[in-house]
Protein backbone atom coordinates (compact mmCIF):
# COMPACT_ATOMS: atom_id res chain seq x y z
CA MET A 1 118.81 -69.12 100.25
CA LYS A 2 115.78 -68.24 102.43
CA THR A 3 112.85 -65.99 101.06
CA ILE A 4 113.67 -62.97 100.79
CA ARG A 5 110.84 -59.81 100.70
CA THR A 6 111.66 -57.69 97.68
CA VAL A 7 109.60 -54.61 97.70
CA LEU A 8 109.11 -53.07 93.66
CA ASP A 9 107.84 -49.78 93.52
CA ILE A 10 105.22 -49.43 90.60
CA ARG A 11 103.73 -46.20 91.72
CA THR A 12 104.52 -45.08 88.25
CA ALA A 13 102.11 -47.52 86.40
CA THR A 14 99.49 -44.77 85.65
CA ASP A 15 98.99 -42.91 82.22
CA HIS A 16 101.09 -39.82 83.53
CA PHE A 17 104.41 -42.08 83.13
CA PRO A 18 103.76 -43.68 80.02
CA GLY A 19 107.55 -45.44 79.82
CA ILE A 20 108.48 -45.79 83.29
CA GLY A 21 105.03 -46.79 84.06
CA ARG A 22 105.11 -49.51 81.61
CA TYR A 23 108.37 -50.85 82.34
CA ALA A 24 107.33 -51.12 86.06
CA TYR A 25 104.13 -52.22 85.84
CA GLN A 26 105.52 -55.43 83.02
CA LEU A 27 108.53 -56.32 85.48
CA ALA A 28 105.96 -56.87 88.42
CA HIS A 29 103.58 -58.77 86.17
CA SER A 30 106.32 -61.12 84.77
CA LEU A 31 108.04 -61.38 88.40
CA SER A 32 104.60 -62.46 89.46
CA ARG A 33 104.92 -65.54 87.33
CA GLN A 34 108.46 -66.73 88.27
CA ARG A 35 108.17 -69.76 90.67
CA ASP A 36 111.56 -68.57 92.36
CA ARG A 37 110.81 -64.55 93.11
CA GLY A 38 109.96 -65.23 96.52
CA GLU A 39 107.79 -63.17 98.35
CA LEU A 40 106.94 -59.71 96.39
CA ALA A 41 105.37 -56.44 97.81
CA LEU A 42 104.04 -53.88 95.15
CA LEU A 43 104.25 -50.61 95.98
CA CYS A 44 101.43 -48.70 94.43
CA ASN A 45 99.35 -45.05 94.70
CA ALA A 46 96.38 -44.94 96.66
CA GLY A 47 94.60 -44.62 93.33
CA ALA A 48 95.95 -47.06 91.33
CA SER A 49 92.66 -48.91 91.04
CA LYS A 50 91.90 -46.46 88.41
CA ALA A 51 94.86 -46.60 86.16
CA ARG A 52 95.45 -48.23 82.99
CA PHE A 53 97.02 -51.39 84.50
CA ASP A 54 95.60 -53.41 86.79
CA ILE A 55 97.69 -53.40 89.66
CA PHE A 56 95.70 -55.37 92.27
CA ALA A 57 95.03 -58.41 90.34
CA LEU A 58 98.69 -59.65 90.95
CA ALA A 59 97.68 -59.90 94.47
CA ALA A 60 95.83 -62.93 93.50
CA GLN A 61 99.25 -64.75 92.74
CA SER A 62 100.67 -66.62 95.79
CA GLY A 63 103.41 -64.61 97.39
CA ILE A 64 102.44 -61.29 96.57
CA GLN A 65 101.04 -58.39 98.67
CA VAL A 66 100.16 -54.69 96.91
CA VAL A 67 100.95 -51.71 99.38
CA SER A 68 98.71 -48.66 98.73
CA VAL A 69 100.48 -45.42 99.51
CA ASP A 70 99.42 -41.58 99.30
CA ALA A 71 102.59 -40.28 98.14
CA PRO A 72 102.87 -39.89 94.25
CA PRO A 73 106.24 -40.41 92.14
CA PHE A 74 108.79 -36.88 92.39
CA SER A 75 106.49 -35.62 95.21
CA ALA A 76 107.66 -34.18 98.65
CA LYS A 77 105.08 -36.81 100.27
CA GLU A 78 107.30 -39.80 98.91
CA GLN A 79 110.08 -38.99 100.96
CA LEU A 80 108.89 -38.42 104.26
CA ARG A 81 106.21 -41.05 104.20
CA ILE A 82 107.71 -44.06 102.38
CA PRO A 83 110.84 -44.66 104.46
CA SER A 84 108.60 -45.50 107.10
CA VAL A 85 106.20 -47.96 105.04
CA LEU A 86 109.09 -49.71 104.10
CA ARG A 87 110.54 -49.94 107.50
CA LYS A 88 107.42 -52.19 108.85
CA LEU A 89 107.80 -53.77 105.64
CA ALA A 90 111.07 -54.78 106.48
CA PRO A 91 112.23 -55.66 103.01
CA GLY A 92 115.10 -57.45 101.51
CA LEU A 93 115.81 -55.06 99.16
CA VAL A 94 113.72 -52.18 97.47
CA HIS A 95 113.81 -51.79 93.14
CA PHE A 96 112.99 -48.06 92.36
CA PRO A 97 112.23 -48.18 88.47
CA TYR A 98 113.96 -44.53 88.22
CA THR A 99 116.31 -42.33 89.59
CA VAL A 100 114.14 -40.02 91.88
CA PHE A 101 112.89 -42.05 94.76
CA PRO A 102 112.80 -41.88 98.33
CA TYR A 103 115.97 -41.59 99.80
CA ALA A 104 115.66 -42.42 103.05
CA ALA A 105 114.69 -45.86 101.86
CA PRO A 106 116.24 -48.80 103.77
CA LYS A 107 118.91 -50.49 101.83
CA PRO A 108 119.82 -52.35 99.91
CA VAL A 109 118.55 -50.36 97.18
CA ILE A 110 118.40 -50.80 93.87
CA PHE A 111 117.23 -48.16 91.06
CA SER A 112 116.67 -48.47 87.35
CA LEU A 113 118.26 -46.51 84.74
CA HIS A 114 116.88 -46.37 81.13
CA ASP A 115 119.18 -43.44 79.94
CA LEU A 116 121.08 -40.40 80.28
CA ILE A 117 119.73 -38.47 77.23
CA PRO A 118 119.85 -35.19 79.36
CA LEU A 119 123.56 -35.19 79.66
CA ARG A 120 124.24 -36.87 76.39
CA LEU A 121 122.61 -34.16 74.49
CA PRO A 122 122.19 -31.58 76.39
CA GLN A 123 121.59 -28.34 73.71
CA PHE A 124 118.01 -29.93 74.05
CA PHE A 125 117.44 -29.27 77.71
CA SER A 126 117.45 -26.08 79.82
CA ARG A 127 120.28 -25.27 81.47
CA ARG A 128 117.62 -25.84 84.93
CA GLN A 129 117.07 -29.32 83.80
CA ARG A 130 120.73 -30.43 83.27
CA ILE A 131 121.20 -29.28 86.72
CA LEU A 132 118.56 -31.04 88.19
CA TYR A 133 118.67 -33.76 86.40
CA ARG A 134 122.64 -34.36 87.41
CA ALA A 135 121.70 -33.55 90.72
CA SER A 136 118.95 -36.32 91.45
CA LEU A 137 120.90 -39.18 89.50
CA SER A 138 124.41 -38.24 91.60
CA LEU A 139 121.97 -38.64 94.72
CA ALA A 140 120.42 -41.43 93.30
CA LEU A 141 124.01 -43.19 92.69
CA LEU A 142 124.80 -42.03 96.19
CA ARG A 143 122.06 -43.59 97.77
CA ALA A 144 121.34 -46.80 96.12
CA ASP A 145 123.61 -50.26 96.44
CA PHE A 146 123.29 -51.19 92.62
CA VAL A 147 121.93 -50.05 89.14
CA ILE A 148 120.13 -52.03 86.94
CA CYS A 149 120.88 -50.36 83.24
CA SER A 150 118.59 -50.70 80.06
CA SER A 151 121.64 -51.83 77.80
CA GLU A 152 125.39 -51.62 77.36
CA SER A 153 125.90 -48.43 76.11
CA THR A 154 123.73 -47.13 79.31
CA ARG A 155 126.37 -48.33 81.58
CA SER A 156 128.95 -47.24 79.14
CA ASP A 157 127.84 -43.67 79.42
CA LEU A 158 127.08 -43.60 83.22
CA GLN A 159 130.66 -44.96 83.74
CA ALA A 160 132.23 -42.05 81.19
CA LEU A 161 129.88 -39.10 82.61
CA LEU A 162 129.35 -39.63 86.01
CA HIS A 163 132.39 -42.42 86.90
CA ALA A 164 129.53 -44.97 88.43
CA ASP A 165 131.70 -47.91 90.00
CA PRO A 166 131.19 -50.96 87.22
CA SER A 167 130.95 -53.35 89.96
CA ARG A 168 127.65 -51.55 91.07
CA LEU A 169 126.46 -51.47 87.53
CA PHE A 170 124.30 -54.63 85.69
CA VAL A 171 122.61 -54.71 82.87
CA VAL A 172 119.32 -56.33 82.14
CA PRO A 173 117.43 -55.36 78.62
CA LEU A 174 114.14 -54.54 78.27
CA GLY A 175 111.37 -57.28 76.90
CA VAL A 176 108.04 -56.55 74.60
CA ASP A 177 104.43 -57.01 75.63
CA GLU A 178 103.07 -60.03 74.68
CA ALA A 179 100.32 -58.13 73.16
CA PHE A 180 102.21 -57.52 70.37
CA HIS A 181 102.81 -61.46 69.25
CA ASP A 182 98.96 -61.45 68.79
CA SER A 183 98.16 -58.86 66.50
CA SER A 184 96.35 -60.17 63.05
CA ALA A 185 95.52 -58.93 59.09
CA LYS A 186 92.01 -58.08 60.43
CA ALA A 187 93.08 -55.80 63.19
CA SER A 188 95.20 -54.01 61.64
CA GLN A 189 92.52 -53.60 58.88
CA LYS A 190 89.89 -52.74 61.34
CA THR A 191 92.84 -50.12 63.11
CA ARG A 192 93.15 -48.53 59.41
CA LYS A 193 89.50 -47.54 59.09
CA ALA A 194 89.47 -46.73 62.57
CA TYR A 195 92.29 -43.93 61.83
CA ASN A 196 91.68 -43.72 57.71
CA LEU A 197 95.18 -44.97 56.82
CA PRO A 198 95.99 -45.96 53.52
CA ASP A 199 96.82 -49.95 53.55
CA ASP A 200 100.03 -49.00 52.71
CA TYR A 201 102.50 -46.87 55.20
CA VAL A 202 105.68 -46.24 56.86
CA LEU A 203 105.38 -45.86 60.76
CA TYR A 204 107.08 -44.20 63.52
CA VAL A 205 106.18 -44.66 67.22
CA GLY A 206 107.27 -42.37 69.84
CA SER A 207 107.09 -38.84 71.65
CA ASN A 208 108.14 -35.69 69.26
CA LYS A 209 110.65 -34.68 72.15
CA PRO A 210 113.59 -32.84 70.20
CA HIS A 211 116.15 -36.48 69.99
CA LYS A 212 113.68 -37.96 68.13
CA ASN A 213 114.88 -36.39 65.49
CA LEU A 214 111.75 -36.09 63.79
CA PRO A 215 112.33 -32.83 61.60
CA ILE A 216 115.16 -34.75 60.01
CA LEU A 217 112.97 -37.63 59.60
CA VAL A 218 110.12 -35.27 57.46
CA GLU A 219 113.01 -33.82 55.37
CA ALA A 220 114.55 -37.14 54.67
CA TYR A 221 111.16 -38.56 53.76
CA ALA A 222 110.30 -36.20 51.19
CA GLN A 223 113.43 -37.14 49.45
CA VAL A 224 112.26 -41.04 49.37
CA ARG A 225 110.93 -41.91 45.53
CA SER A 226 107.65 -43.00 45.51
CA ALA A 227 107.06 -43.19 49.57
CA PRO A 228 103.93 -44.63 50.85
CA VAL A 229 102.23 -42.58 53.63
CA LEU A 230 104.72 -41.88 56.71
CA VAL A 231 102.32 -42.10 60.08
CA ILE A 232 103.91 -40.69 62.80
CA ALA A 233 102.10 -41.80 66.30
CA GLY A 234 102.79 -40.88 69.38
CA ALA A 235 102.62 -38.45 72.48
CA ILE A 236 102.66 -34.66 70.71
CA ASP A 237 104.64 -31.94 72.83
CA GLY A 238 103.31 -28.81 71.58
CA ARG A 239 106.90 -27.00 72.51
CA PHE A 240 107.98 -29.17 69.50
CA SER A 241 106.64 -28.10 66.21
CA GLN A 242 109.42 -28.16 63.41
CA GLU A 243 108.32 -31.74 62.36
CA ARG A 244 104.71 -30.15 61.39
CA ARG A 245 106.61 -27.37 59.60
CA ASN A 246 108.58 -29.16 57.42
CA ALA A 247 106.28 -31.13 56.43
CA GLU A 248 104.17 -28.20 55.57
CA ARG A 249 107.17 -26.25 53.69
CA LEU A 250 107.45 -29.42 52.11
CA GLY A 251 104.52 -29.80 50.64
CA LEU A 252 103.78 -33.13 51.79
CA GLY A 253 100.37 -32.42 52.98
CA GLU A 254 98.62 -36.26 53.40
CA GLN A 255 101.91 -37.63 52.66
CA VAL A 256 102.86 -37.50 56.18
CA ARG A 257 99.98 -38.21 59.22
CA PHE A 258 100.57 -37.34 62.55
CA LEU A 259 98.10 -39.40 64.64
CA GLY A 260 99.03 -38.22 68.26
CA ALA A 261 99.31 -40.32 71.62
CA LEU A 262 97.16 -43.84 71.02
CA GLN A 263 95.66 -46.34 73.27
CA GLU A 264 98.43 -49.07 73.99
CA GLU A 265 95.88 -52.11 72.75
CA VAL A 266 96.04 -49.77 69.27
CA LEU A 267 99.97 -50.30 68.97
CA PRO A 268 100.09 -53.77 67.84
CA SER A 269 97.66 -53.74 65.22
CA LEU A 270 99.45 -50.02 63.69
CA TYR A 271 102.54 -51.82 63.80
CA CYS A 272 101.49 -55.10 61.73
CA GLY A 273 99.69 -53.14 59.08
CA ALA A 274 103.07 -51.22 57.96
CA ARG A 275 105.53 -51.80 55.28
CA ALA A 276 108.78 -50.65 57.24
CA PHE A 277 109.43 -48.80 60.48
CA VAL A 278 111.51 -45.96 60.83
CA PHE A 279 113.23 -44.53 63.81
CA PRO A 280 115.70 -41.95 64.01
CA SER A 281 116.22 -41.27 66.73
CA LEU A 282 119.60 -39.45 68.05
CA CYS A 283 120.27 -41.31 71.41
CA GLU A 284 118.33 -44.00 73.47
CA GLY A 285 118.57 -45.80 76.44
CA PHE A 286 116.80 -49.17 74.54
CA GLY A 287 115.03 -48.39 72.18
CA LEU A 288 111.54 -50.18 73.18
CA PRO A 289 109.62 -49.23 69.62
CA VAL A 290 112.33 -50.94 67.46
CA LEU A 291 111.69 -54.25 69.21
CA GLU A 292 107.67 -53.80 69.21
CA ALA A 293 107.95 -53.44 65.58
CA MET A 294 110.47 -56.51 64.80
CA THR A 295 107.91 -58.51 67.34
CA CYS A 296 104.93 -57.62 64.98
CA GLY A 297 106.89 -58.93 61.99
CA VAL A 298 108.00 -55.38 60.58
CA PRO A 299 111.24 -54.20 58.80
CA VAL A 300 113.11 -51.76 60.47
CA ALA A 301 115.23 -49.20 59.39
CA CYS A 302 116.67 -47.32 62.14
CA SER A 303 119.29 -44.93 63.71
CA ASP A 304 123.09 -46.39 63.77
CA ILE A 305 123.75 -45.42 67.57
CA PRO A 306 124.92 -48.11 70.25
CA SER A 307 121.93 -48.92 72.13
CA LEU A 308 119.91 -49.67 68.65
CA ARG A 309 122.78 -52.01 67.78
CA GLU A 310 122.29 -53.48 71.43
CA THR A 311 118.65 -53.97 70.60
CA ALA A 312 117.89 -54.55 67.31
CA ALA A 313 121.45 -56.38 66.70
CA ASN A 314 121.52 -57.97 63.30
CA ALA A 315 118.04 -57.64 62.09
CA ALA A 316 117.66 -53.76 61.07
CA LEU A 317 118.72 -51.36 58.40
CA PHE A 318 120.63 -49.14 60.36
CA PHE A 319 121.44 -45.28 59.05
CA ASP A 320 123.09 -41.48 60.18
CA PRO A 321 121.08 -40.26 61.94
CA ASN A 322 122.24 -36.31 61.63
CA ASP A 323 122.67 -37.41 57.53
CA CYS A 324 119.73 -37.10 55.66
CA ARG A 325 120.72 -38.31 52.40
CA SER A 326 121.58 -41.38 54.66
CA ILE A 327 117.96 -41.64 56.03
CA ALA A 328 116.35 -40.93 52.67
CA LEU A 329 118.50 -43.85 50.84
CA ALA A 330 117.63 -46.45 53.61
CA LEU A 331 113.84 -45.92 53.18
CA ASP A 332 114.93 -46.07 49.64
CA ARG A 333 116.25 -49.85 49.49
CA ILE A 334 114.04 -50.87 52.69
CA LEU A 335 110.75 -49.84 50.50
CA GLY A 336 111.62 -51.27 47.00
CA ASP A 337 113.81 -54.16 47.97
CA ILE A 338 111.32 -57.44 48.85
CA GLN A 339 114.12 -59.57 49.77
CA LEU A 340 115.56 -57.22 52.31
CA ARG A 341 112.42 -56.58 53.99
CA GLU A 342 111.65 -60.38 54.31
CA GLU A 343 115.09 -60.88 55.60
CA LEU A 344 114.40 -58.08 58.00
CA ARG A 345 111.38 -59.53 58.93
CA VAL A 346 112.40 -62.83 60.11
CA GLY A 347 115.11 -61.36 61.45
CA GLY A 348 113.82 -59.18 63.63
CA ILE A 349 111.41 -61.99 64.84
CA LYS A 350 113.74 -64.48 65.56
CA ARG A 351 115.66 -61.63 67.67
CA SER A 352 112.54 -60.18 69.57
CA ALA A 353 112.05 -63.76 70.88
CA GLU A 354 115.17 -63.24 72.62
CA LEU A 355 113.98 -60.58 74.63
CA SER A 356 110.55 -61.65 76.64
CA TRP A 357 109.49 -59.96 79.91
CA ASP A 358 110.13 -63.21 81.52
CA VAL A 359 113.82 -62.89 80.16
CA VAL A 360 113.92 -59.25 81.68
CA ALA A 361 112.12 -61.18 84.77
CA GLN A 362 114.97 -63.87 84.85
CA LYS A 363 118.22 -61.62 84.96
CA THR A 364 116.33 -59.22 87.18
CA LEU A 365 115.71 -61.84 89.88
CA ALA A 366 119.62 -62.92 89.44
CA VAL A 367 120.32 -59.42 90.17
CA TYR A 368 118.47 -59.30 93.51
CA ASN A 369 120.26 -62.65 94.73
CA ALA A 370 123.24 -61.07 93.89
CA VAL A 371 122.54 -58.07 96.03
CA VAL A 372 121.46 -59.91 98.57
CA SER A 373 123.84 -62.63 98.83
CA SER A 374 126.91 -59.87 98.58
CA ARG A 375 125.77 -58.42 102.25
């Protein structure tokens, strides 16, 4: 097949879009290493040089072009300016990392869908948020030719909730950053000292949005026998603070530590220092923190939901996230059973090796080839 110019939109690779941005950059970085990727153009913001990812360094690879545009994600500018930029590039296909994109972009168009949480858990969103989300997703499905879903669970949700054509849906799981393989005991010690953490702790990494289920986690933690400190790391949304109130009401004091948002380079050593990782989410598209923890050799206890079953396979201890007692029992077990922790540690490392970003890039290229071949 002749070389096809692919345009990948990585304008979200900034601090403002931690999840989508990381996905877009890691995919671009991994695609840049693939020999059979063909020509690749990366669409980025005009101010991308100030972003947390070194986007322009990717242009050092043969066959990669960085195209800078003054049209931020989710703005009116992107609808007006980007379609004409794309037409000048004459792409063989265009890949957007999210459901909101320039809808007049030249076809074929692919977009990535990571979850349908506003539709799965509508009680956590306002009526306006639900309407806007459904409208944007419906428009994306109308304008795009194909969709890349981050899990079978997300694909099933898309078929069930929006009756999407299954022949247009591909599943490509996420990967884990190479940095999570490289942390050491010395780095963990340095991180503990920097954040005044004890030698023994249980870790949660993620936001405090309602679907993350942190208030129930704190309730459950109060029931765990001889529990070490619970460290909660991740961006804090001030609208949601029930988990802090629960900790105060239950008299947990220093037993629950809230670190807030951390620099990405700190995360591997924070994971590696934990006795166990806990992830009580009610709904996920994939559950990347679970994969990150397993990569660092940390035993995982997490919610028994379809997406996390896919991510962790048999390498985690599962619990019912709606049942406080189930969470507490799982934590009691993983903290008290050395043999179980070792089994989960070994199984997690093995599972994470199957989900590298190079694997993501190869599977994404297979989707690109299928899309081009179908036209």
